[in-house]
């Protein structure tokens, strides 16, 4: 897969790159380090190695949370972000060792500073366990976190967490299309790495942008 990405990247010769997940701001020690962080990390690495400007398709987290708080309870919102990230690190843990509580408490502290009312000092292992338990029906810990089916709760169930995830997904797609339309005013060849769901949601609007340019 990474070979395919590199071949496409090199043949396309982009003058600007967009990635999802904030991987544009990360530091990569080497090519392997970038690959271990996934497709977006690898594309960001390729861009930086070629001195190509790289940005993000992501709307500011503060704006996401602000919009969500109009409709949803902040516990539900924070849990969505945590479970979405847990699913991500469940996949990453196949390649790298992850201490669950060290990782997720640090992640939570970063997120609550972006618009939540929780106290930074209250975020510890017990806070995480109590917050998540009603949604996953188990006390999560450093031993069982890889086996919990968070994918079902976030992406498959027709519950509150999936509803919040869907609203965030739609907002991210709208924002991505806007960013691309803006960047096309300054760049000619934008290389954009995205997941299949994003591609399906955005392709209609993106085709309209390019049709209007012809």
Protein backbone atom coordinates (compact mmCIF):
# COMPACT_ATOMS: atom_id res chain seq x y z
CA UNK A 1 0.00 0.00 0.00
CA UNK A 2 2.75 2.46 0.90
CA UNK A 3 4.54 1.68 -2.36
CA UNK A 4 1.33 2.46 -4.26
CA UNK A 5 0.97 5.74 -2.38
CA UNK A 6 4.54 6.76 -3.14
CA UNK A 7 4.18 5.88 -6.82
CA UNK A 8 1.02 7.97 -7.08
CA UNK A 9 2.63 10.80 -5.15
CA UNK A 10 5.73 10.87 -7.34
CA UNK A 11 3.84 10.58 -10.63
CA UNK A 12 1.29 13.25 -9.68
CA UNK A 13 4.00 15.80 -8.74
CA UNK A 14 1.83 17.81 -6.33
CA UNK A 15 2.50 21.39 -5.34
CA UNK A 16 0.32 21.08 -2.22
CA UNK A 17 -0.70 18.18 0.02
CA UNK A 18 -3.70 17.67 2.32
CA UNK A 19 -3.96 14.99 5.00
CA UNK A 20 -6.51 14.16 7.68
CA UNK A 21 -6.02 13.61 11.38
CA UNK A 22 -3.55 16.42 12.06
CA UNK A 23 -0.61 14.42 10.71
CA UNK A 24 0.68 17.50 8.91
CA UNK A 25 1.99 18.91 12.21
CA UNK A 26 3.80 15.79 13.40
CA UNK A 27 7.53 15.14 13.36
CA UNK A 28 8.71 11.93 11.68
CA UNK A 29 12.12 10.52 12.55
CA UNK A 30 12.32 8.53 9.34
CA UNK A 31 10.24 6.75 6.69
CA UNK A 32 9.44 3.77 8.92
CA UNK A 33 8.26 6.05 11.71
CA UNK A 34 5.90 7.74 9.25
CA UNK A 35 4.57 4.44 7.91
CA UNK A 36 3.84 3.21 11.43
CA UNK A 37 1.51 6.19 11.84
CA UNK A 38 -0.55 5.28 8.78
CA UNK A 39 -1.35 6.63 5.35
CA UNK A 40 -1.77 10.27 6.34
CA UNK A 41 1.47 10.24 8.30
CA UNK A 42 3.32 8.71 5.38
CA UNK A 43 1.97 11.25 2.87
CA UNK A 44 2.86 14.10 5.24
CA UNK A 45 6.37 12.66 5.46
CA UNK A 46 6.68 12.45 1.67
CA UNK A 47 5.57 16.06 1.35
CA UNK A 48 8.02 17.30 3.94
CA UNK A 49 10.88 15.31 2.40
CA UNK A 50 10.11 16.98 -0.94
CA UNK A 51 9.68 20.45 0.60
CA UNK A 52 6.04 20.55 -0.48
CA UNK A 53 3.58 22.50 1.66
CA UNK A 54 1.28 20.20 3.62
CA UNK A 55 -1.94 21.16 5.38
CA UNK A 56 -4.92 19.51 7.04
CA UNK A 57 -8.48 18.89 5.93
CA UNK A 58 -9.57 19.07 9.57
CA UNK A 59 -11.62 21.99 10.88
CA UNK A 60 -10.27 23.30 14.22
CA UNK A 61 -11.29 21.00 17.06
CA UNK A 62 -12.56 24.02 18.99
CA UNK A 63 -15.04 24.74 16.19
CA UNK A 64 -16.18 21.11 16.06
CA UNK A 65 -16.84 21.05 19.79
CA UNK A 66 -18.57 24.43 19.76
CA UNK A 67 -21.01 23.23 17.10
CA UNK A 68 -21.64 19.91 18.87
CA UNK A 69 -22.34 21.54 22.25
CA UNK A 70 -25.37 23.23 20.72
CA UNK A 71 -27.04 19.82 20.36
CA UNK A 72 -25.29 17.27 22.56
CA UNK A 73 -24.20 16.74 26.17
CA UNK A 74 -20.46 17.23 26.68
CA UNK A 75 -20.00 13.77 28.24
CA UNK A 76 -21.35 12.20 25.04
CA UNK A 77 -19.16 14.41 22.87
CA UNK A 78 -15.98 13.68 24.80
CA UNK A 79 -16.73 9.96 24.80
CA UNK A 80 -17.14 10.00 21.02
CA UNK A 81 -13.70 11.55 20.59
CA UNK A 82 -12.15 9.10 23.07
CA UNK A 83 -13.74 6.00 21.54
CA UNK A 84 -12.82 7.14 18.04
CA UNK A 85 -9.22 7.53 19.18
CA UNK A 86 -9.23 4.20 21.02
CA UNK A 87 -10.26 2.50 17.79
CA UNK A 88 -7.35 4.19 16.06
CA UNK A 89 -4.79 3.06 18.64
CA UNK A 90 -6.25 -0.45 18.67
CA UNK A 91 -5.10 -0.60 15.05
CA UNK A 92 -1.77 1.09 15.79
CA UNK A 93 -1.07 -1.30 18.66
CA UNK A 94 -0.51 -4.05 16.09
CA UNK A 95 2.73 -2.23 15.18
CA UNK A 96 3.81 -0.35 18.31
CA UNK A 97 3.49 -0.84 22.08
CA UNK A 98 1.00 1.54 23.67
CA UNK A 99 0.35 2.08 27.37
CA UNK A 100 -3.37 2.71 27.25
CA UNK A 101 -3.88 4.96 30.26
CA UNK A 102 -0.74 7.00 29.64
CA UNK A 103 -1.85 7.61 26.07
CA UNK A 104 -5.55 8.25 26.64
CA UNK A 105 -5.19 10.52 29.68
CA UNK A 106 -2.75 12.68 27.74
CA UNK A 107 -5.14 12.72 24.78
CA UNK A 108 -8.08 13.64 27.05
CA UNK A 109 -6.21 16.51 28.68
CA UNK A 110 -5.43 17.96 25.27
CA UNK A 111 -9.07 17.74 24.21
CA UNK A 112 -10.72 19.20 27.29
CA UNK A 113 -8.73 22.39 26.73
CA UNK A 114 -10.55 22.92 23.43
CA UNK A 115 -13.98 23.83 24.75
CA UNK A 116 -15.05 21.43 27.50
CA UNK A 117 -15.80 22.43 31.09
CA UNK A 118 -13.90 19.57 32.76
CA UNK A 119 -11.01 20.33 35.07
CA UNK A 120 -7.56 19.37 33.80
CA UNK A 121 -6.65 18.10 37.27
CA UNK A 122 -9.59 15.67 37.34
CA UNK A 123 -8.39 13.66 34.33
CA UNK A 124 -6.80 10.43 35.55
CA UNK A 125 -7.30 6.68 35.10
CA UNK A 126 -10.40 6.70 37.29
CA UNK A 127 -11.94 9.59 35.34
CA UNK A 128 -11.44 7.73 32.06
CA UNK A 129 -12.83 4.45 33.42
CA UNK A 130 -15.98 6.02 34.89
CA UNK A 131 -16.60 8.18 31.83
CA UNK A 132 -16.43 5.30 29.35
CA UNK A 133 -18.11 2.50 31.34
CA UNK A 134 -21.78 3.45 30.60
CA UNK A 135 -21.04 3.39 26.87
CA UNK A 136 -19.04 0.17 26.61
CA UNK A 137 -20.51 -1.74 29.61
CA UNK A 138 -17.10 -2.67 30.98
CA UNK A 139 -14.38 -1.13 33.11
CA UNK A 140 -11.65 -0.44 30.63
CA UNK A 141 -8.06 -1.06 31.72
CA UNK A 142 -4.53 -1.59 30.42
CA UNK A 143 -5.27 -5.28 29.77
CA UNK A 144 -8.67 -5.33 28.06
CA UNK A 145 -8.75 -2.14 25.97
CA UNK A 146 -7.61 -3.83 22.76
CA UNK A 147 -10.51 -6.32 22.86
CA UNK A 148 -13.36 -3.86 23.42
CA UNK A 149 -15.52 -3.42 20.30
CA UNK A 150 -15.43 0.38 20.19
CA UNK A 151 -15.82 0.23 16.39
CA UNK A 152 -19.39 -1.01 16.85
CA UNK A 153 -20.30 1.79 19.28
CA UNK A 154 -18.86 4.61 17.19
CA UNK A 155 -19.44 3.48 13.61
CA UNK A 156 -22.19 0.86 13.61
CA UNK A 157 -24.76 1.47 16.37
CA UNK A 158 -27.61 3.91 15.78
CA UNK A 159 -27.00 5.52 19.17
CA UNK A 160 -25.91 8.90 20.46
CA UNK A 161 -22.20 8.27 19.88
CA UNK A 162 -22.76 7.33 16.24
CA UNK A 163 -24.99 10.38 15.81
CA UNK A 164 -22.24 12.68 17.11
CA UNK A 165 -19.65 10.91 14.97
CA UNK A 166 -21.85 11.35 11.88
CA UNK A 167 -22.33 15.07 12.55
CA UNK A 168 -18.56 15.52 12.95
CA UNK A 169 -17.92 13.52 9.79
CA UNK A 170 -20.33 15.67 7.79
CA UNK A 171 -18.77 18.88 9.12
CA UNK A 172 -15.27 17.63 8.32
CA UNK A 173 -16.32 16.76 4.76
CA UNK A 174 -17.89 20.18 4.23
CA UNK A 175 -14.77 21.84 5.58
CA UNK A 176 -12.45 19.70 3.42
CA UNK A 177 -14.31 20.68 0.25
CA UNK A 178 -14.08 24.33 1.29
CA UNK A 179 -10.32 24.05 1.98
CA UNK A 180 -9.70 22.41 -1.40
CA UNK A 181 -11.66 25.11 -3.21
CA UNK A 182 -9.62 27.78 -1.40
CA UNK A 183 -6.24 26.11 -1.99
CA UNK A 184 -7.00 25.73 -5.70
CA UNK A 185 -6.80 29.51 -5.91
CA UNK A 186 -3.07 29.26 -5.12
CA UNK A 187 -2.06 25.72 -6.13
CA UNK A 188 -2.58 23.65 -9.26
CA UNK A 189 -1.97 20.08 -8.16
CA UNK A 190 -3.31 19.09 -4.74
CA UNK A 191 -2.56 15.57 -3.52
CA UNK A 192 -5.19 14.59 -0.95
CA UNK A 193 -5.13 11.36 1.07
CA UNK A 194 -8.52 10.47 2.56
CA UNK A 195 -10.51 7.52 3.82
CA UNK A 196 -13.17 5.84 1.70
CA UNK A 197 -16.08 7.38 3.61
CA UNK A 198 -14.66 10.86 3.03
CA UNK A 199 -14.16 10.11 -0.64
CA UNK A 200 -17.75 8.96 -1.07
CA UNK A 201 -19.11 12.02 0.72
CA UNK A 202 -16.91 14.59 -1.01
CA UNK A 203 -16.61 13.38 -4.58
CA UNK A 204 -19.83 14.97 -5.81
CA UNK A 205 -18.93 18.45 -4.55
CA UNK A 206 -15.32 18.08 -5.70
CA UNK A 207 -16.44 17.17 -9.21
CA UNK A 208 -18.58 20.32 -9.28
CA UNK A 209 -15.55 22.42 -8.32
CA UNK A 210 -13.47 20.98 -11.14
CA UNK A 211 -16.34 21.17 -13.65
CA UNK A 212 -16.72 24.87 -12.85
CA UNK A 213 -13.01 25.42 -13.47
CA UNK A 214 -13.11 23.98 -17.01
